[in-house]
Amino acid sequence: MKKINAIYLIPLLFIFTIFTSCSEPEVKTEESPTMDVSEPSQEELVAMGAQLVKKMGCHDCHSPKIMTKNGPMLDPERILSGFPQEEVLAEVNPELMKDGSWILMNQGLTAFVGPWGTSYTANLTSDATGVGNWTEEAFKIAITEGWYKGIRDGRKLLPPMPWQNLTDLTDEEIHAMYTYLQSTTPVNNVVPPPVPPVMN
């Protein structure tokens, strides 16, 4: 009887050893690729900001124009420098402004006359007469909240500055635009203050 048990035990032990020694096959899991969360370089920020400024139409009003056979073109010497300080506007007939049905603009599209008075587009270059000494926070407040020079409780930006359309800009977009403007060629140009409407 003991011999029979031994005969049966040996194969059973062998099978048991095989099953217990075999671990589950190793499952190789590929590590999920890590997202590159590195900050964009200065060069990338400047390029992104330049693209945003162009797409948002900032040059339309903030860059003086020169008249060519193809119509007004950006003046390459004064990109984003605002209303030229040496320019003198023609006198406006107040009768045109009475009922608010007219809005006038100069040839360079940098000065506008309407029911709010006369407004001049700002110098956005990196010069001290532009935004060169602005903080990024002041820039953000100016373009997303419409406060002149980013000073809350000062005065609001005047038409045609469409700051109401810019309230949803992300911090990343604002940072890129600010970085780009700080990199622009400085143009010394003191834009005159707005003129209130003529009251009759």
N, C-alpha and C. Protein backbone atom coordinates (compact mmCIF):
# COMPACT_ATOMS: atom_id res chain seq x y z
N MET A 1 0.83 -1.21 0.00
CA MET A 1 0.00 0.00 0.00
C MET A 1 0.86 1.25 0.00
N LYS A 2 1.94 1.19 0.78
CA LYS A 2 2.83 2.35 0.85
C LYS A 2 3.51 2.62 -0.49
N LYS A 3 3.83 1.51 -1.21
CA LYS A 3 4.48 1.66 -2.51
C LYS A 3 3.54 2.34 -3.51
N ILE A 4 2.28 1.95 -3.47
CA ILE A 4 1.30 2.54 -4.40
C ILE A 4 1.16 4.03 -4.13
N ASN A 5 1.11 4.39 -2.87
CA ASN A 5 1.00 5.82 -2.51
C ASN A 5 2.21 6.59 -3.02
N ALA A 6 3.36 6.01 -2.89
CA ALA A 6 4.58 6.69 -3.34
C ALA A 6 4.56 6.88 -4.84
N ILE A 7 4.05 5.85 -5.54
CA ILE A 7 3.99 5.94 -7.00
C ILE A 7 3.07 7.08 -7.43
N TYR A 8 1.95 7.21 -6.73
CA TYR A 8 1.01 8.30 -7.07
C TYR A 8 1.51 9.66 -6.61
N LEU A 9 2.24 9.67 -5.51
CA LEU A 9 2.70 10.95 -4.95
C LEU A 9 3.73 11.63 -5.83
N ILE A 10 4.60 10.86 -6.41
CA ILE A 10 5.70 11.45 -7.19
C ILE A 10 5.17 12.29 -8.36
N PRO A 11 4.25 11.74 -9.21
CA PRO A 11 3.75 12.60 -10.30
C PRO A 11 2.93 13.78 -9.81
N LEU A 12 2.20 13.55 -8.70
CA LEU A 12 1.41 14.67 -8.16
C LEU A 12 2.32 15.80 -7.69
N LEU A 13 3.41 15.46 -7.00
CA LEU A 13 4.36 16.48 -6.55
C LEU A 13 4.99 17.20 -7.74
N PHE A 14 5.29 16.42 -8.78
CA PHE A 14 5.89 17.01 -9.98
C PHE A 14 4.96 18.04 -10.62
N ILE A 15 3.69 17.65 -10.76
CA ILE A 15 2.69 18.56 -11.35
C ILE A 15 2.51 19.79 -10.47
N PHE A 16 2.42 19.58 -9.15
CA PHE A 16 2.26 20.69 -8.22
C PHE A 16 3.42 21.68 -8.32
N THR A 17 4.64 21.13 -8.43
CA THR A 17 5.83 21.98 -8.52
C THR A 17 5.80 22.83 -9.79
N ILE A 18 5.37 22.19 -10.88
CA ILE A 18 5.32 22.93 -12.16
C ILE A 18 4.33 24.09 -12.07
N PHE A 19 3.13 23.82 -11.52
CA PHE A 19 2.11 24.86 -11.45
C PHE A 19 2.47 25.98 -10.49
N THR A 20 3.08 25.65 -9.39
CA THR A 20 3.42 26.69 -8.42
C THR A 20 4.64 27.49 -8.85
N SER A 21 5.52 26.88 -9.63
CA SER A 21 6.71 27.62 -10.04
C SER A 21 6.44 28.52 -11.24
N CYS A 22 5.34 28.22 -11.93
CA CYS A 22 5.01 29.05 -13.09
C CYS A 22 4.23 30.27 -12.63
N SER A 23 4.85 31.38 -12.66
CA SER A 23 4.12 32.61 -12.32
C SER A 23 3.41 33.11 -13.57
N GLU A 24 2.49 34.01 -13.35
CA GLU A 24 1.77 34.57 -14.50
C GLU A 24 2.75 35.29 -15.40
N PRO A 25 2.51 35.22 -16.69
CA PRO A 25 3.46 35.89 -17.60
C PRO A 25 3.52 37.38 -17.31
N GLU A 26 4.72 37.91 -17.39
CA GLU A 26 4.93 39.34 -17.11
C GLU A 26 4.29 40.17 -18.22
N VAL A 27 3.41 41.04 -17.80
CA VAL A 27 2.74 41.91 -18.78
C VAL A 27 3.53 43.19 -18.87
N LYS A 28 4.04 43.45 -20.05
CA LYS A 28 4.83 44.66 -20.23
C LYS A 28 3.88 45.80 -20.60
N THR A 29 3.85 46.78 -19.78
CA THR A 29 3.00 47.92 -20.07
C THR A 29 3.88 49.07 -20.54
N GLU A 30 3.47 49.62 -21.64
CA GLU A 30 4.22 50.76 -22.14
C GLU A 30 3.88 51.98 -21.31
N GLU A 31 4.91 52.67 -20.90
CA GLU A 31 4.67 53.88 -20.13
C GLU A 31 4.03 54.91 -21.05
N SER A 32 2.98 55.53 -20.52
CA SER A 32 2.32 56.54 -21.34
C SER A 32 3.30 57.68 -21.58
N PRO A 33 3.35 58.16 -22.80
CA PRO A 33 4.31 59.22 -23.10
C PRO A 33 4.04 60.45 -22.26
N THR A 34 5.10 61.01 -21.73
CA THR A 34 4.94 62.20 -20.89
C THR A 34 4.74 63.41 -21.79
N MET A 35 3.78 64.24 -21.40
CA MET A 35 3.51 65.45 -22.17
C MET A 35 4.64 66.43 -21.93
N ASP A 36 5.03 67.10 -22.99
CA ASP A 36 6.06 68.13 -22.85
C ASP A 36 5.42 69.39 -22.31
N VAL A 37 5.65 69.66 -21.04
CA VAL A 37 5.03 70.83 -20.41
C VAL A 37 6.04 71.95 -20.21
N SER A 38 7.15 71.86 -20.94
CA SER A 38 8.16 72.89 -20.80
C SER A 38 7.63 74.22 -21.33
N GLU A 39 8.09 75.27 -20.73
CA GLU A 39 7.67 76.61 -21.14
C GLU A 39 8.18 76.89 -22.56
N PRO A 40 7.39 77.60 -23.36
CA PRO A 40 7.90 77.97 -24.69
C PRO A 40 9.09 78.91 -24.55
N SER A 41 9.97 78.85 -25.50
CA SER A 41 11.16 79.71 -25.48
C SER A 41 10.74 81.15 -25.76
N GLN A 42 11.68 82.06 -25.51
CA GLN A 42 11.43 83.48 -25.79
C GLN A 42 11.09 83.68 -27.26
N GLU A 43 11.81 82.98 -28.11
CA GLU A 43 11.58 83.09 -29.55
C GLU A 43 10.17 82.61 -29.92
N GLU A 44 9.75 81.51 -29.32
CA GLU A 44 8.41 80.97 -29.59
C GLU A 44 7.32 81.92 -29.08
N LEU A 45 7.54 82.51 -27.90
CA LEU A 45 6.57 83.45 -27.35
C LEU A 45 6.41 84.67 -28.25
N VAL A 46 7.55 85.19 -28.72
CA VAL A 46 7.52 86.37 -29.59
C VAL A 46 6.76 86.04 -30.89
N ALA A 47 7.04 84.87 -31.46
CA ALA A 47 6.36 84.47 -32.70
C ALA A 47 4.86 84.30 -32.46
N MET A 48 4.49 83.69 -31.34
CA MET A 48 3.08 83.49 -31.02
C MET A 48 2.39 84.83 -30.80
N GLY A 49 3.06 85.73 -30.08
CA GLY A 49 2.49 87.05 -29.83
C GLY A 49 2.32 87.87 -31.10
N ALA A 50 3.31 87.79 -31.99
CA ALA A 50 3.23 88.51 -33.26
C ALA A 50 2.05 88.01 -34.08
N GLN A 51 1.84 86.70 -34.06
CA GLN A 51 0.72 86.11 -34.81
C GLN A 51 -0.62 86.56 -34.23
N LEU A 52 -0.73 86.59 -32.90
CA LEU A 52 -1.97 87.03 -32.26
C LEU A 52 -2.26 88.50 -32.57
N VAL A 53 -1.24 89.33 -32.47
CA VAL A 53 -1.40 90.76 -32.75
C VAL A 53 -1.87 90.96 -34.19
N LYS A 54 -1.31 90.18 -35.10
CA LYS A 54 -1.70 90.29 -36.51
C LYS A 54 -3.14 89.80 -36.71
N LYS A 55 -3.46 88.63 -36.17
CA LYS A 55 -4.79 88.05 -36.37
C LYS A 55 -5.89 88.89 -35.73
N MET A 56 -5.58 89.54 -34.62
CA MET A 56 -6.59 90.33 -33.92
C MET A 56 -6.76 91.72 -34.53
N GLY A 57 -5.99 92.02 -35.57
CA GLY A 57 -6.17 93.29 -36.28
C GLY A 57 -5.60 94.50 -35.57
N CYS A 58 -4.63 94.31 -34.68
CA CYS A 58 -4.06 95.45 -33.95
C CYS A 58 -3.39 96.46 -34.89
N HIS A 59 -2.81 95.95 -36.00
CA HIS A 59 -2.14 96.84 -36.95
C HIS A 59 -3.14 97.76 -37.65
N ASP A 60 -4.40 97.32 -37.75
CA ASP A 60 -5.39 98.12 -38.49
C ASP A 60 -5.45 99.55 -37.97
N CYS A 61 -5.37 99.70 -36.66
CA CYS A 61 -5.48 101.04 -36.08
C CYS A 61 -4.17 101.54 -35.45
N HIS A 62 -3.36 100.64 -34.92
CA HIS A 62 -2.18 101.07 -34.17
C HIS A 62 -0.94 101.28 -35.03
N SER A 63 -0.97 100.84 -36.28
CA SER A 63 0.17 101.06 -37.18
C SER A 63 -0.18 102.12 -38.21
N PRO A 64 0.58 103.24 -38.26
CA PRO A 64 0.32 104.26 -39.28
C PRO A 64 0.47 103.66 -40.68
N LYS A 65 -0.19 104.29 -41.65
CA LYS A 65 -0.20 103.79 -43.03
C LYS A 65 0.49 104.79 -43.96
N ILE A 66 0.95 104.24 -45.06
CA ILE A 66 1.41 105.09 -46.16
C ILE A 66 0.54 104.73 -47.37
N MET A 67 0.20 105.73 -48.15
CA MET A 67 -0.68 105.50 -49.30
C MET A 67 0.15 105.03 -50.49
N THR A 68 -0.26 103.94 -51.09
CA THR A 68 0.42 103.40 -52.26
C THR A 68 -0.60 103.23 -53.38
N LYS A 69 -0.13 102.78 -54.54
CA LYS A 69 -1.05 102.56 -55.66
C LYS A 69 -2.04 101.44 -55.34
N ASN A 70 -1.70 100.61 -54.35
CA ASN A 70 -2.59 99.54 -53.93
C ASN A 70 -3.42 99.91 -52.70
N GLY A 71 -3.41 101.20 -52.37
CA GLY A 71 -4.16 101.63 -51.19
C GLY A 71 -3.24 101.77 -49.99
N PRO A 72 -3.80 102.00 -48.80
CA PRO A 72 -2.97 102.19 -47.61
C PRO A 72 -2.25 100.91 -47.21
N MET A 73 -0.95 101.05 -46.92
CA MET A 73 -0.13 99.93 -46.46
C MET A 73 0.55 100.35 -45.16
N LEU A 74 0.93 99.37 -44.33
CA LEU A 74 1.60 99.68 -43.07
C LEU A 74 2.92 100.39 -43.33
N ASP A 75 3.16 101.44 -42.55
CA ASP A 75 4.43 102.15 -42.65
C ASP A 75 5.48 101.34 -41.88
N PRO A 76 6.44 100.72 -42.58
CA PRO A 76 7.40 99.83 -41.90
C PRO A 76 8.26 100.54 -40.85
N GLU A 77 8.39 101.86 -40.98
CA GLU A 77 9.20 102.61 -40.01
C GLU A 77 8.46 102.89 -38.71
N ARG A 78 7.13 102.71 -38.73
CA ARG A 78 6.35 103.12 -37.55
C ARG A 78 5.33 102.04 -37.13
N ILE A 79 5.70 100.79 -37.29
CA ILE A 79 4.80 99.68 -36.94
C ILE A 79 4.37 99.79 -35.48
N LEU A 80 3.07 99.78 -35.25
CA LEU A 80 2.44 99.77 -33.91
C LEU A 80 2.76 101.00 -33.06
N SER A 81 3.15 102.10 -33.72
CA SER A 81 3.52 103.30 -32.95
C SER A 81 2.36 104.25 -32.71
N GLY A 82 1.15 103.92 -33.18
CA GLY A 82 -0.02 104.75 -32.90
C GLY A 82 -0.10 106.01 -33.75
N PHE A 83 -0.99 106.89 -33.35
CA PHE A 83 -1.19 108.15 -34.08
C PHE A 83 0.10 108.97 -34.07
N PRO A 84 0.61 109.37 -35.26
CA PRO A 84 1.85 110.14 -35.31
C PRO A 84 1.71 111.50 -34.62
N GLN A 85 2.62 111.79 -33.69
CA GLN A 85 2.52 113.01 -32.88
C GLN A 85 2.61 114.28 -33.71
N GLU A 86 3.26 114.22 -34.88
CA GLU A 86 3.42 115.43 -35.70
C GLU A 86 2.24 115.68 -36.63
N GLU A 87 1.33 114.73 -36.70
CA GLU A 87 0.21 114.88 -37.63
C GLU A 87 -0.84 115.84 -37.08
N VAL A 88 -1.35 116.69 -37.96
CA VAL A 88 -2.40 117.65 -37.58
C VAL A 88 -3.68 117.26 -38.33
N LEU A 89 -4.74 117.06 -37.57
CA LEU A 89 -6.01 116.69 -38.19
C LEU A 89 -6.71 117.92 -38.74
N ALA A 90 -7.43 117.72 -39.81
CA ALA A 90 -8.24 118.81 -40.36
C ALA A 90 -9.37 119.11 -39.38
N GLU A 91 -9.84 120.34 -39.45
CA GLU A 91 -10.94 120.73 -38.57
C GLU A 91 -12.20 119.96 -38.95
N VAL A 92 -12.92 119.54 -37.92
CA VAL A 92 -14.12 118.74 -38.14
C VAL A 92 -15.35 119.63 -38.05
N ASN A 93 -16.26 119.46 -38.97
CA ASN A 93 -17.51 120.21 -38.94
C ASN A 93 -18.41 119.59 -37.86
N PRO A 94 -18.66 120.32 -36.78
CA PRO A 94 -19.46 119.75 -35.69
C PRO A 94 -20.89 119.40 -36.10
N GLU A 95 -21.36 120.00 -37.20
CA GLU A 95 -22.70 119.68 -37.68
C GLU A 95 -22.82 118.20 -38.06
N LEU A 96 -21.70 117.64 -38.53
CA LEU A 96 -21.71 116.23 -38.93
C LEU A 96 -21.86 115.30 -37.73
N MET A 97 -21.50 115.82 -36.57
CA MET A 97 -21.49 114.98 -35.37
C MET A 97 -22.78 115.09 -34.56
N LYS A 98 -23.63 116.03 -34.92
CA LYS A 98 -24.78 116.36 -34.08
C LYS A 98 -25.68 115.18 -33.78
N ASP A 99 -26.08 114.45 -34.81
CA ASP A 99 -27.05 113.38 -34.58
C ASP A 99 -26.38 112.03 -34.35
N GLY A 100 -25.06 112.00 -34.34
CA GLY A 100 -24.35 110.75 -34.07
C GLY A 100 -24.35 109.76 -35.21
N SER A 101 -24.71 110.20 -36.41
CA SER A 101 -24.78 109.26 -37.53
C SER A 101 -23.46 109.13 -38.28
N TRP A 102 -22.49 109.98 -37.94
CA TRP A 102 -21.20 109.92 -38.63
C TRP A 102 -20.07 109.61 -37.66
N ILE A 103 -19.13 108.81 -38.15
CA ILE A 103 -17.85 108.62 -37.46
C ILE A 103 -16.79 108.87 -38.52
N LEU A 104 -15.83 109.73 -38.21
CA LEU A 104 -14.78 110.07 -39.16
C LEU A 104 -13.46 109.45 -38.72
N MET A 105 -12.56 109.22 -39.69
CA MET A 105 -11.23 108.73 -39.36
C MET A 105 -10.22 109.38 -40.30
N ASN A 106 -8.98 109.44 -39.83
CA ASN A 106 -7.95 110.01 -40.68
C ASN A 106 -7.47 108.98 -41.70
N GLN A 107 -6.64 109.42 -42.64
CA GLN A 107 -6.19 108.55 -43.72
C GLN A 107 -5.37 107.37 -43.21
N GLY A 108 -4.62 107.57 -42.13
CA GLY A 108 -3.78 106.50 -41.58
C GLY A 108 -4.54 105.55 -40.67
N LEU A 109 -5.82 105.81 -40.47
CA LEU A 109 -6.67 104.99 -39.58
C LEU A 109 -6.12 104.94 -38.15
N THR A 110 -5.58 106.08 -37.70
CA THR A 110 -5.04 106.14 -36.34
C THR A 110 -5.76 107.18 -35.48
N ALA A 111 -6.70 107.92 -36.06
CA ALA A 111 -7.49 108.90 -35.31
C ALA A 111 -8.95 108.77 -35.72
N PHE A 112 -9.83 108.91 -34.73
CA PHE A 112 -11.25 108.69 -34.97
C PHE A 112 -12.05 109.78 -34.27
N VAL A 113 -13.09 110.25 -34.94
CA VAL A 113 -13.96 111.28 -34.38
C VAL A 113 -15.38 110.75 -34.39
N GLY A 114 -16.03 110.85 -33.22
CA GLY A 114 -17.40 110.39 -33.10
C GLY A 114 -18.08 111.07 -31.93
N PRO A 115 -19.20 110.56 -31.48
CA PRO A 115 -19.93 111.18 -30.36
C PRO A 115 -19.11 111.26 -29.08
N TRP A 116 -18.08 110.43 -28.97
CA TRP A 116 -17.21 110.44 -27.77
C TRP A 116 -16.13 111.52 -27.84
N GLY A 117 -15.99 112.17 -29.00
CA GLY A 117 -14.94 113.15 -29.21
C GLY A 117 -13.93 112.63 -30.22
N THR A 118 -12.67 112.97 -30.00
CA THR A 118 -11.59 112.50 -30.89
C THR A 118 -10.68 111.58 -30.10
N SER A 119 -10.46 110.39 -30.62
CA SER A 119 -9.56 109.44 -29.97
C SER A 119 -8.40 109.11 -30.90
N TYR A 120 -7.26 108.87 -30.29
CA TYR A 120 -6.03 108.57 -31.03
C TYR A 120 -5.53 107.19 -30.59
N THR A 121 -5.08 106.40 -31.56
CA THR A 121 -4.60 105.06 -31.19
C THR A 121 -3.25 105.14 -30.49
N ALA A 122 -3.08 104.25 -29.53
CA ALA A 122 -1.91 104.28 -28.66
C ALA A 122 -0.66 103.72 -29.33
N ASN A 123 0.47 104.16 -28.82
CA ASN A 123 1.77 103.61 -29.20
C ASN A 123 1.95 102.29 -28.45
N LEU A 124 2.09 101.19 -29.18
CA LEU A 124 2.25 99.87 -28.56
C LEU A 124 3.68 99.34 -28.66
N THR A 125 4.61 100.18 -29.13
CA THR A 125 5.98 99.69 -29.25
C THR A 125 6.65 99.64 -27.88
N SER A 126 7.86 99.09 -27.87
CA SER A 126 8.59 98.90 -26.61
C SER A 126 9.23 100.18 -26.08
N ASP A 127 8.99 101.30 -26.75
CA ASP A 127 9.52 102.57 -26.27
C ASP A 127 8.80 103.00 -24.98
N ALA A 128 9.46 103.88 -24.21
CA ALA A 128 8.85 104.39 -22.98
C ALA A 128 7.59 105.21 -23.29
N THR A 129 7.50 105.76 -24.50
CA THR A 129 6.29 106.49 -24.88
C THR A 129 5.19 105.53 -25.33
N GLY A 130 5.53 104.25 -25.39
CA GLY A 130 4.56 103.21 -25.73
C GLY A 130 4.26 102.37 -24.51
N VAL A 131 4.46 101.05 -24.64
CA VAL A 131 4.19 100.14 -23.52
C VAL A 131 5.48 99.61 -22.90
N GLY A 132 6.59 100.25 -23.23
CA GLY A 132 7.90 99.78 -22.77
C GLY A 132 8.06 99.69 -21.27
N ASN A 133 7.37 100.56 -20.53
CA ASN A 133 7.49 100.51 -19.07
C ASN A 133 6.22 99.98 -18.39
N TRP A 134 5.34 99.36 -19.17
CA TRP A 134 4.14 98.76 -18.60
C TRP A 134 4.49 97.41 -17.98
N THR A 135 3.77 97.05 -16.93
CA THR A 135 3.86 95.69 -16.41
C THR A 135 2.91 94.81 -17.22
N GLU A 136 3.13 93.51 -17.15
CA GLU A 136 2.23 92.60 -17.86
C GLU A 136 0.82 92.66 -17.28
N GLU A 137 0.72 92.87 -15.97
CA GLU A 137 -0.59 92.97 -15.34
C GLU A 137 -1.35 94.20 -15.84
N ALA A 138 -0.65 95.34 -15.98
CA ALA A 138 -1.29 96.54 -16.51
C ALA A 138 -1.77 96.31 -17.94
N PHE A 139 -0.95 95.62 -18.73
CA PHE A 139 -1.32 95.31 -20.11
C PHE A 139 -2.58 94.44 -20.14
N LYS A 140 -2.64 93.45 -19.27
CA LYS A 140 -3.80 92.56 -19.20
C LYS A 140 -5.06 93.34 -18.83
N ILE A 141 -4.96 94.20 -17.84
CA ILE A 141 -6.12 94.99 -17.39
C ILE A 141 -6.59 95.91 -18.52
N ALA A 142 -5.63 96.51 -19.23
CA ALA A 142 -5.99 97.43 -20.31
C ALA A 142 -6.78 96.73 -21.40
N ILE A 143 -6.27 95.59 -21.89
CA ILE A 143 -6.91 95.01 -23.06
C ILE A 143 -8.09 94.09 -22.74
N THR A 144 -8.19 93.62 -21.50
CA THR A 144 -9.33 92.74 -21.18
C THR A 144 -10.40 93.44 -20.34
N GLU A 145 -10.04 94.58 -19.73
CA GLU A 145 -11.02 95.30 -18.92
C GLU A 145 -11.28 96.71 -19.45
N GLY A 146 -10.43 97.16 -20.38
CA GLY A 146 -10.67 98.46 -21.01
C GLY A 146 -10.26 99.67 -20.21
N TRP A 147 -9.28 99.52 -19.30
CA TRP A 147 -8.82 100.67 -18.53
C TRP A 147 -7.56 101.25 -19.17
N TYR A 148 -7.54 102.57 -19.36
CA TYR A 148 -6.40 103.25 -19.96
C TYR A 148 -5.14 103.00 -19.14
N LYS A 149 -4.10 102.51 -19.81
CA LYS A 149 -2.81 102.16 -19.20
C LYS A 149 -2.95 101.10 -18.10
N GLY A 150 -4.08 100.41 -18.08
CA GLY A 150 -4.26 99.37 -17.09
C GLY A 150 -4.48 99.89 -15.69
N ILE A 151 -4.92 101.14 -15.58
CA ILE A 151 -5.16 101.75 -14.26
C ILE A 151 -6.66 101.72 -13.98
N ARG A 152 -7.04 100.81 -13.10
CA ARG A 152 -8.46 100.71 -12.76
C ARG A 152 -8.93 102.00 -12.09
N ASP A 153 -10.15 102.36 -12.35
CA ASP A 153 -10.77 103.59 -11.83
C ASP A 153 -10.16 104.84 -12.46
N GLY A 154 -9.41 104.65 -13.55
CA GLY A 154 -8.95 105.80 -14.33
C GLY A 154 -10.03 106.14 -15.34
N ARG A 155 -9.66 106.14 -16.61
CA ARG A 155 -10.68 106.33 -17.65
C ARG A 155 -10.73 105.09 -18.53
N LYS A 156 -11.87 104.88 -19.14
CA LYS A 156 -12.03 103.74 -20.04
C LYS A 156 -11.39 104.04 -21.40
N LEU A 157 -10.97 102.97 -22.08
CA LEU A 157 -10.47 103.13 -23.44
C LEU A 157 -11.62 103.55 -24.34
N LEU A 158 -11.33 104.44 -25.27
CA LEU A 158 -12.37 105.00 -26.14
C LEU A 158 -12.50 104.19 -27.43
N PRO A 159 -13.65 104.32 -28.10
CA PRO A 159 -13.79 103.69 -29.41
C PRO A 159 -12.70 104.22 -30.35
N PRO A 160 -12.31 103.41 -31.32
CA PRO A 160 -12.87 102.12 -31.69
C PRO A 160 -12.16 100.92 -31.05
N MET A 161 -11.42 101.14 -29.95
CA MET A 161 -10.71 100.02 -29.32
C MET A 161 -11.71 98.95 -28.86
N PRO A 162 -11.64 97.75 -29.45
CA PRO A 162 -12.66 96.73 -29.16
C PRO A 162 -12.30 95.85 -27.97
N TRP A 163 -11.99 96.44 -26.83
CA TRP A 163 -11.53 95.64 -25.69
C TRP A 163 -12.59 94.65 -25.23
N GLN A 164 -13.87 94.96 -25.47
CA GLN A 164 -14.94 94.05 -25.07
C GLN A 164 -14.83 92.69 -25.77
N ASN A 165 -14.18 92.67 -26.93
CA ASN A 165 -13.99 91.41 -27.67
C ASN A 165 -12.80 90.61 -27.16
N LEU A 166 -12.03 91.19 -26.25
CA LEU A 166 -10.78 90.56 -25.81
C LEU A 166 -10.85 90.02 -24.39
N THR A 167 -12.03 90.05 -23.80
CA THR A 167 -12.15 89.67 -22.38
C THR A 167 -11.84 88.20 -22.13
N ASP A 168 -11.95 87.36 -23.16
CA ASP A 168 -11.71 85.92 -22.99
C ASP A 168 -10.30 85.48 -23.36
N LEU A 169 -9.41 86.42 -23.58
CA LEU A 169 -8.02 86.04 -23.87
C LEU A 169 -7.45 85.26 -22.69
N THR A 170 -6.70 84.21 -22.98
CA THR A 170 -6.09 83.42 -21.90
C THR A 170 -4.83 84.12 -21.40
N ASP A 171 -4.40 83.72 -20.21
CA ASP A 171 -3.16 84.29 -19.66
C ASP A 171 -1.99 83.99 -20.59
N GLU A 172 -2.00 82.81 -21.23
CA GLU A 172 -0.92 82.43 -22.14
C GLU A 172 -0.90 83.36 -23.36
N GLU A 173 -2.07 83.67 -23.88
CA GLU A 173 -2.14 84.57 -25.04
C GLU A 173 -1.70 85.97 -24.67
N ILE A 174 -2.13 86.44 -23.51
CA ILE A 174 -1.73 87.78 -23.05
C ILE A 174 -0.23 87.83 -22.84
N HIS A 175 0.32 86.77 -22.24
CA HIS A 175 1.77 86.72 -22.00
C HIS A 175 2.53 86.75 -23.31
N ALA A 176 2.05 86.02 -24.32
CA ALA A 176 2.72 85.99 -25.62
C ALA A 176 2.65 87.37 -26.29
N MET A 177 1.48 88.01 -26.25
CA MET A 177 1.34 89.33 -26.85
C MET A 177 2.24 90.35 -26.17
N TYR A 178 2.24 90.32 -24.84
CA TYR A 178 3.06 91.25 -24.07
C TYR A 178 4.54 91.04 -24.40
N THR A 179 4.95 89.77 -24.45
CA THR A 179 6.35 89.45 -24.76
C THR A 179 6.73 89.98 -26.14
N TYR A 180 5.82 89.80 -27.10
CA TYR A 180 6.09 90.29 -28.45
C TYR A 180 6.21 91.82 -28.46
N LEU A 181 5.26 92.51 -27.84
CA LEU A 181 5.28 93.98 -27.86
C LEU A 181 6.53 94.53 -27.19
N GLN A 182 7.00 93.84 -26.15
CA GLN A 182 8.22 94.28 -25.49
C GLN A 182 9.46 94.05 -26.35
N SER A 183 9.31 93.22 -27.39
CA SER A 183 10.44 92.93 -28.28
C SER A 183 10.45 93.80 -29.53
N THR A 184 9.41 94.62 -29.72
CA THR A 184 9.31 95.40 -30.95
C THR A 184 10.35 96.52 -30.98
N THR A 185 10.59 97.03 -32.18
CA THR A 185 11.48 98.18 -32.33
C THR A 185 10.84 99.39 -31.66
N PRO A 186 11.55 100.02 -30.72
CA PRO A 186 10.95 101.17 -30.04
C PRO A 186 10.80 102.36 -30.99
N VAL A 187 9.63 102.99 -30.93
CA VAL A 187 9.39 104.21 -31.72
C VAL A 187 8.97 105.28 -30.73
N ASN A 188 9.78 106.34 -30.65
CA ASN A 188 9.46 107.44 -29.74
C ASN A 188 8.34 108.26 -30.36
N ASN A 189 7.16 108.16 -29.79
CA ASN A 189 5.99 108.85 -30.35
C ASN A 189 4.98 109.09 -29.23
N VAL A 190 4.84 110.34 -28.85
CA VAL A 190 3.91 110.70 -27.78
C VAL A 190 2.54 110.97 -28.40
N VAL A 191 1.65 110.05 -28.20
CA VAL A 191 0.29 110.19 -28.76
C VAL A 191 -0.48 111.22 -27.93
N PRO A 192 -1.16 112.16 -28.58
CA PRO A 192 -1.90 113.18 -27.82
C PRO A 192 -3.08 112.58 -27.05
N PRO A 193 -3.51 113.26 -26.00
CA PRO A 193 -4.68 112.78 -25.25
C PRO A 193 -5.95 112.95 -26.06
N PRO A 194 -7.00 112.24 -25.74
CA PRO A 194 -8.26 112.39 -26.48
C PRO A 194 -8.85 113.78 -26.29
N VAL A 195 -9.66 114.16 -27.24
CA VAL A 195 -10.34 115.46 -27.18
C VAL A 195 -11.83 115.19 -26.95
N PRO A 196 -12.40 115.85 -25.93
CA PRO A 196 -13.84 115.61 -25.70
C PRO A 196 -14.69 116.13 -26.84
N PRO A 197 -15.92 115.65 -26.95
CA PRO A 197 -16.78 116.10 -28.05
C PRO A 197 -17.11 117.59 -27.93
N VAL A 198 -17.34 118.19 -29.08
CA VAL A 198 -17.75 119.59 -29.11
C VAL A 198 -19.21 119.67 -28.71
N MET A 199 -19.49 120.42 -27.68
CA MET A 199 -20.86 120.55 -27.19
C MET A 199 -21.44 121.88 -27.66
N ASN A 200 -22.60 121.84 -28.27
CA ASN A 200 -23.27 123.08 -28.71
C ASN A 200 -24.41 123.43 -27.79
